[in-house]
Protein backbone atom coordinates (compact mmCIF):
# COMPACT_ATOMS: atom_id res chain seq x y z
CA UNK A 1 141.04 171.80 134.75
CA UNK A 2 137.98 170.13 133.22
CA UNK A 3 138.06 168.77 129.81
CA UNK A 4 135.35 170.31 127.56
CA UNK A 5 132.15 168.34 127.13
CA UNK A 6 132.00 166.42 123.66
CA UNK A 7 129.46 167.20 121.59
CA UNK A 8 128.26 164.91 119.19
CA UNK A 9 127.38 166.73 116.03
CA UNK A 10 125.68 163.67 114.18
CA UNK A 11 123.20 163.50 116.36
CA UNK A 12 122.79 167.24 118.03
CA UNK A 13 119.05 167.70 117.58
CA UNK A 14 119.72 171.22 116.49
CA UNK A 15 121.79 170.66 114.04
CA UNK A 16 119.30 168.27 112.18
CA UNK A 17 117.58 169.77 109.26
CA UNK A 18 113.66 169.12 108.60
CA UNK A 19 114.40 166.26 106.59
CA UNK A 20 116.95 164.42 108.60
CA UNK A 21 116.26 162.31 111.83
CA UNK A 22 118.49 161.05 114.91
CA UNK A 23 120.14 157.99 114.36
CA UNK A 24 118.79 155.30 116.13
CA UNK A 25 121.65 153.02 118.03
CA UNK A 26 122.32 149.58 116.43
CA UNK A 27 121.44 147.29 119.08
CA UNK A 28 121.99 143.61 118.35
CA UNK A 29 118.14 143.18 117.37
CA UNK A 30 117.92 146.33 115.18
CA UNK A 31 120.99 145.52 113.51
CA UNK A 32 119.67 142.05 112.34
CA UNK A 33 116.58 143.45 111.20
CA UNK A 34 118.83 145.87 109.25
CA UNK A 35 120.47 143.11 107.66
CA UNK A 36 117.24 141.40 106.99
CA UNK A 37 115.22 144.70 105.32
CA UNK A 38 118.78 144.90 103.16
CA UNK A 39 118.23 141.71 102.18
CA UNK A 40 114.67 141.67 101.34
CA UNK A 41 115.07 145.04 99.49
CA UNK A 42 118.00 143.63 97.55
CA UNK A 43 115.75 140.92 96.36
CA UNK A 44 112.93 143.37 95.24
CA UNK A 45 115.91 145.30 93.28
CA UNK A 46 116.13 142.22 91.23
CA UNK A 47 112.50 141.13 90.87
CA UNK A 48 110.49 144.13 91.25
CA UNK A 49 108.23 142.63 93.64
CA UNK A 50 107.64 141.36 97.44
CA UNK A 51 108.86 137.88 98.47
CA UNK A 52 105.81 135.58 98.73
CA UNK A 53 105.69 132.55 100.66
CA UNK A 54 103.84 129.87 98.86
CA UNK A 55 103.94 126.61 97.24
CA UNK A 56 105.97 126.71 93.90
CA UNK A 57 108.13 129.73 95.21
CA UNK A 58 111.91 129.37 95.48
CA UNK A 59 113.47 128.16 98.90
CA UNK A 60 114.83 131.67 99.04
CA UNK A 61 111.99 133.60 98.38
CA UNK A 62 110.16 131.57 100.91
CA UNK A 63 112.96 132.31 103.30
CA UNK A 64 112.88 136.08 102.47
CA UNK A 65 109.21 136.50 103.15
CA UNK A 66 108.88 134.60 106.38
CA UNK A 67 111.88 136.97 107.82
CA UNK A 68 109.71 139.91 106.62
CA UNK A 69 106.53 138.55 108.31
CA UNK A 70 108.88 138.54 111.41
CA UNK A 71 109.95 142.07 110.87
CA UNK A 72 106.67 143.41 110.66
CA UNK A 73 105.69 140.91 114.00
CA UNK A 74 108.19 142.67 116.24
CA UNK A 75 107.62 146.29 114.48
CA UNK A 76 107.06 147.42 117.94
CA UNK A 77 110.46 146.86 119.15
CA UNK A 78 112.20 148.32 116.11
CA UNK A 79 111.72 151.65 115.86
CA UNK A 80 114.83 152.86 114.63
CA UNK A 81 114.44 150.15 111.47
CA UNK A 82 111.90 152.84 109.92
CA UNK A 83 114.70 154.72 108.10
CA UNK A 84 115.73 151.54 106.33
CA UNK A 85 112.24 150.77 105.46
CA UNK A 86 112.25 152.57 102.09
CA UNK A 87 109.47 150.79 100.52
CA UNK A 88 107.32 150.78 103.68
CA UNK A 89 107.24 146.93 103.74
CA UNK A 90 107.00 147.25 107.58
CA UNK A 91 105.98 150.03 108.53
CA UNK A 92 103.14 150.78 106.13
CA UNK A 93 101.53 149.49 102.63
CA UNK A 94 99.24 146.92 102.11
CA UNK A 95 100.18 143.19 101.18
CA UNK A 96 98.70 141.42 98.82
CA UNK A 97 99.75 137.91 100.17
CA UNK A 98 100.27 138.02 103.77
CA UNK A 99 103.39 134.86 105.14
CA UNK A 100 101.66 135.34 108.51
CA UNK A 101 98.60 133.23 107.00
CA UNK A 102 100.66 130.34 106.62
CA UNK A 103 99.32 127.76 109.30
CA UNK A 104 102.62 127.45 110.47
CA UNK A 105 103.07 131.38 111.66
CA UNK A 106 99.49 132.17 112.29
CA UNK A 107 99.25 131.26 115.36
CA UNK A 108 101.91 131.02 118.24
CA UNK A 109 100.19 129.06 120.84
CA UNK A 110 99.17 126.04 118.41
CA UNK A 111 100.80 126.10 115.41
CA UNK A 112 101.87 122.25 116.15
CA UNK A 113 98.61 121.15 117.10
CA UNK A 114 96.95 118.44 114.83
CA UNK A 115 93.74 119.83 113.78
CA UNK A 116 92.52 116.96 111.67
CA UNK A 117 89.02 115.44 114.61
CA UNK A 118 89.72 112.27 112.77
CA UNK A 119 92.77 111.31 114.11
CA UNK A 120 92.92 111.85 117.44
CA UNK A 121 95.76 109.17 118.43
CA UNK A 122 98.09 111.58 115.98
CA UNK A 123 97.22 114.43 119.02
CA UNK A 124 100.30 115.73 120.75
CA UNK A 125 99.97 115.12 124.61
CA UNK A 126 100.33 119.11 124.59
CA UNK A 127 100.17 122.05 122.68
CA UNK A 128 104.04 123.45 121.94
CA UNK A 129 104.36 126.86 122.86
CA UNK A 130 106.38 129.44 120.25
CA UNK A 131 108.00 132.08 121.82
CA UNK A 132 111.51 134.15 121.40
CA UNK A 133 114.74 132.50 121.43
CA UNK A 134 116.73 133.73 124.24
CA UNK A 135 120.15 132.86 122.89
CA UNK A 136 119.45 133.21 119.42
CA UNK A 137 122.97 134.88 118.84
CA UNK A 138 124.34 131.48 119.12
CA UNK A 139 122.38 129.67 116.16
CA UNK A 140 122.19 132.58 114.01
CA UNK A 141 125.38 131.76 112.47
CA UNK A 142 124.45 127.94 111.69
CA UNK A 143 121.55 129.80 109.55
CA UNK A 144 123.66 132.31 107.89
CA UNK A 145 125.81 129.32 107.10
CA UNK A 146 122.77 127.55 105.85
CA UNK A 147 121.62 130.00 103.24
CA UNK A 148 124.78 130.77 101.88
CA UNK A 149 125.49 127.20 101.38
CA UNK A 150 121.94 126.81 99.72
CA UNK A 151 122.37 129.72 97.27
CA UNK A 152 126.17 128.35 96.70
CA UNK A 153 124.49 125.08 95.71
CA UNK A 154 126.79 123.12 98.32
CA UNK A 155 124.26 121.71 100.27
CA UNK A 156 121.18 120.81 98.19
CA UNK A 157 117.46 120.74 99.87
CA UNK A 158 115.92 117.22 99.73
CA UNK A 159 112.34 115.64 99.72
CA UNK A 160 111.55 115.10 103.27
CA UNK A 161 111.32 110.92 103.91
CA UNK A 162 111.87 110.27 107.52
CA UNK A 163 109.99 108.49 110.10
CA UNK A 164 111.83 110.60 112.42
CA UNK A 165 114.26 113.67 113.01
CA UNK A 166 117.85 113.95 113.99
CA UNK A 167 119.47 116.28 116.53
CA UNK A 168 121.52 118.96 114.56
CA UNK A 169 119.10 118.53 111.20
CA UNK A 170 118.05 121.78 109.52
CA UNK A 171 114.91 121.65 107.68
CA UNK A 172 112.94 123.91 105.48
CA UNK A 173 108.59 124.28 106.31
CA UNK A 174 106.74 126.52 105.21
CA UNK A 175 109.43 128.47 103.42
CA UNK A 176 110.88 128.80 107.11
CA UNK A 177 114.22 127.43 108.21
CA UNK A 178 114.03 124.88 111.33
CA UNK A 179 117.06 123.70 113.44
CA UNK A 180 116.91 120.66 115.79
CA UNK A 181 118.68 121.95 118.33
CA UNK A 182 118.09 119.74 121.25
CA UNK A 183 116.39 116.29 121.30
CA UNK A 184 115.56 114.44 124.49
CA UNK A 185 113.44 111.82 126.10
CA UNK A 186 113.17 109.10 123.22
CA UNK A 187 109.92 107.20 123.70
CA UNK A 188 107.64 105.17 121.70
CA UNK A 189 104.42 107.18 120.67
CA UNK A 190 101.44 104.95 118.79
CA UNK A 191 104.49 102.48 118.23
CA UNK A 192 106.74 104.53 116.87
CA UNK A 193 109.76 106.82 117.56
CA UNK A 194 109.12 109.98 119.33
CA UNK A 195 111.35 112.44 121.69
CA UNK A 196 110.59 115.82 123.33
CA UNK A 197 112.88 118.81 120.88
CA UNK A 198 113.81 121.89 121.15
CA UNK A 199 113.44 123.72 117.41
CA UNK A 200 114.61 126.86 116.81
CA UNK A 201 113.59 128.89 113.76
CA UNK A 202 115.26 131.09 111.76
CA UNK A 203 112.73 134.60 112.69
CA UNK A 204 114.15 133.97 116.45
CA UNK A 205 111.83 131.92 117.64
CA UNK A 206 111.85 128.65 119.20
CA UNK A 207 108.96 125.64 120.23
CA UNK A 208 109.39 122.74 122.63
CA UNK A 209 107.38 120.06 120.82
CA UNK A 210 107.27 116.32 120.37
CA UNK A 211 109.12 114.41 117.48
CA UNK A 212 105.52 113.17 116.02
CA UNK A 213 104.66 116.79 115.73
CA UNK A 214 107.54 117.91 113.46
CA UNK A 215 107.49 115.22 111.24
CA UNK A 216 103.77 115.05 110.28
CA UNK A 217 104.19 118.74 109.47
CA UNK A 218 107.19 118.09 107.22
CA UNK A 219 104.83 115.51 105.73
CA UNK A 220 101.84 117.82 105.23
CA UNK A 221 103.75 120.50 103.43
CA UNK A 222 104.62 119.18 100.13
CA UNK A 223 107.55 121.64 99.66
CA UNK A 224 109.37 120.70 103.19
CA UNK A 225 112.67 119.91 102.51
CA UNK A 226 115.71 118.17 104.44
CA UNK A 227 119.02 120.16 104.45
CA UNK A 228 121.29 117.41 105.56
CA UNK A 229 124.18 117.66 108.19
CA UNK A 230 125.57 114.05 108.36
CA UNK A 231 129.09 115.46 107.18
CA UNK A 232 128.62 118.61 108.74
CA UNK A 233 132.38 120.19 107.16
CA UNK A 234 132.76 123.57 108.04
CA UNK A 235 129.18 124.74 109.19
CA UNK A 236 130.10 124.57 112.83
CA UNK A 237 133.65 125.63 112.68
CA UNK A 238 134.36 128.40 115.31
CA UNK A 239 131.15 128.50 116.51
CA UNK A 240 129.90 127.78 120.13
CA UNK A 241 126.88 124.96 119.32
CA UNK A 242 126.22 124.29 123.11
CA UNK A 243 127.75 121.82 125.73
CA UNK A 244 129.23 118.44 127.09
CA UNK A 245 127.67 117.95 131.03
CA UNK A 246 128.77 115.72 133.43
CA UNK A 247 125.89 114.70 135.91
CA UNK A 248 125.68 112.84 139.38
CA UNK A 249 122.00 111.74 140.51
CA UNK A 250 120.67 112.67 143.90
CA UNK A 251 118.81 108.84 143.68
CA UNK A 252 119.09 106.74 146.75
CA UNK A 253 118.92 103.56 144.50
CA UNK A 254 122.10 101.46 145.23
CA UNK A 255 122.43 100.59 141.64
CA UNK A 256 122.84 104.33 140.64
CA UNK A 257 125.80 104.53 143.08
CA UNK A 258 128.91 105.73 141.49
CA UNK A 259 127.55 106.22 137.83
CA UNK A 260 127.83 109.52 136.16
CA UNK A 261 125.73 110.86 133.21
CA UNK A 262 127.58 112.38 130.40
CA UNK A 263 125.68 114.23 127.65
CA UNK A 264 124.94 117.04 125.28
CA UNK A 265 123.01 119.94 124.86
CA UNK A 266 122.67 123.17 122.72
CA UNK A 267 121.03 124.89 125.36
CA UNK A 268 121.70 126.00 128.87
CA UNK A 269 122.27 123.10 130.73
CA UNK A 270 120.81 124.21 134.23
CA UNK A 271 117.57 124.47 131.88
CA UNK A 272 117.89 120.81 130.39
CA UNK A 273 117.78 119.36 133.88
CA UNK A 274 115.75 121.41 135.70
CA UNK A 275 112.73 118.87 135.46
CA UNK A 276 115.10 115.92 135.89
CA UNK A 277 112.78 114.25 138.46
CA UNK A 278 110.34 113.90 135.77
CA UNK A 279 112.80 112.04 132.71
CA UNK A 280 113.63 108.51 132.36
CA UNK A 281 116.91 109.83 131.13
CA UNK A 282 117.71 111.29 134.53
CA UNK A 283 116.33 108.38 136.39
CA UNK A 284 113.25 110.35 137.66
CA UNK A 285 115.58 112.02 140.44
CA UNK A 286 117.43 115.20 140.62
CA UNK A 287 120.99 115.74 139.80
CA UNK A 288 123.88 118.06 140.11
CA UNK A 289 126.15 119.39 137.66
CA UNK A 290 129.95 118.47 138.25
CA UNK A 291 131.47 119.75 135.52
CA UNK A 292 130.69 121.38 132.07
CA UNK A 293 132.67 121.68 128.66
CA UNK A 294 131.88 124.41 126.08
CA UNK A 295 131.69 122.89 122.40
CA UNK A 296 133.36 124.74 119.76
CA UNK A 297 133.22 123.86 115.92
CA UNK A 298 131.29 120.12 116.77
CA UNK A 299 127.70 120.11 116.59
CA UNK A 300 125.72 118.36 119.77
CA UNK A 301 124.99 115.24 118.01
CA UNK A 302 128.45 114.98 116.91
CA UNK A 303 130.52 115.61 120.25
CA UNK A 304 128.16 113.20 121.99
CA UNK A 305 128.81 110.27 119.63
CA UNK A 306 132.69 111.23 119.73
CA UNK A 307 132.23 111.16 123.82
CA UNK A 308 130.02 108.34 123.96
CA UNK A 309 132.31 106.05 121.79
CA UNK A 310 135.39 107.30 123.59
CA UNK A 311 133.23 106.12 126.91
CA UNK A 312 131.99 102.96 125.63
CA UNK A 313 134.07 100.35 128.04
CA UNK A 314 132.58 102.50 131.18
CA UNK A 315 128.88 102.10 130.07
CA UNK A 316 126.00 101.22 132.46
CA UNK A 317 122.75 99.89 130.87
CA UNK A 318 120.00 100.75 133.18
CA UNK A 319 116.21 100.16 133.54
CA UNK A 320 114.13 102.40 135.06
CA UNK A 321 110.42 102.55 136.46
CA UNK A 322 108.22 105.75 135.87
CA UNK A 323 105.54 106.78 138.51
CA UNK A 324 103.02 105.58 135.92
CA UNK A 325 104.84 102.17 136.02
CA UNK A 326 106.06 101.98 132.81
CA UNK A 327 109.87 101.03 132.26
CA UNK A 328 112.26 103.13 130.19
CA UNK A 329 116.06 102.21 129.28
CA UNK A 330 118.33 105.05 130.85
CA UNK A 331 121.45 105.33 128.08
CA UNK A 332 124.59 108.10 128.55
CA UNK A 333 125.51 106.71 132.05
CA UNK A 334 128.95 105.08 132.96
CA UNK A 335 130.65 103.73 135.60
CA UNK A 336 133.69 106.31 135.86
CA UNK A 337 135.42 108.91 138.22
CA UNK A 338 134.72 112.76 137.40
CA UNK A 339 138.76 112.98 136.92
CA UNK A 340 138.95 110.10 134.34
CA UNK A 341 135.82 111.18 132.43
CA UNK A 342 136.94 114.84 131.48
CA UNK A 343 140.46 113.73 130.51
CA UNK A 344 138.25 111.14 128.02
CA UNK A 345 136.14 114.59 127.10
CA UNK A 346 139.19 116.78 126.54
CA UNK A 347 141.07 114.26 124.26
CA UNK A 348 137.91 113.15 122.24
CA UNK A 349 137.09 116.96 121.77
CA UNK A 350 140.42 118.03 121.52
């Protein structure tokens, strides 16, 4: 005897009255969007006005304004949000001030391009692209923790006065939270330190840009702020923040034989090594992944420091010549067996 079919009375279209609508499935994207619109509604309940991203506004208001801009830009994928948009902020109405007029957010393909034609030497070597962050769910708890810490006063935004940025740092730029999730290929450009970054924005997008481009934008924005993470405290507790990886080079150079590279990344290891043959840190040669360790409770920068300190006695200093004839120093290479390095990593991060 077959069991009777279960009827969903809540979403049965025959039982919905004229003023009701079927409930949308709460996907992770929609759930995040609902949480954002509810924060914005709560802000407007208190202030009576839409949050605006402009100089002089509070950090919290500028963050909310840019989150609202992100909802508006993605509304085609957020049909289920309409019933929560009680003020027609996303799906209707006219805005007096548009946060997307912010130069940082105005164009997803050239947001870090320098427009000052009088300073050609300051231009990046390519225009960083702005695209959706495929693993944003890993970073969202970090942004939530930073927002809460700022609101509670346990972390105080400070004026930006740096020549470089570091892996794991947070910044407020044009009212938007920015996280430096990966830092690679360190070098000097125009006699100043530079590197390639993976930068995550709190609206769920990311960009791969030069450190010099981000530093320049932070100096250009007089309201930019640094939110330090030197003592990360509970920020990363229980949060998966990336991976430690152990690699072996495929280079046939005799001085490379028997060496292993140990590093960290906040992203996917396969993505990190995708163009190893073009990067000095990988000795301009392909590499093989021997083992990876998931990071939980440590920032990638903190984990890297702990592991490298434990492996210091095995470190080997290398110089490598690139295709253009320039010489680079290559760090993170160690004369050690895979078994020993695994033991050291487990003890250092245990």
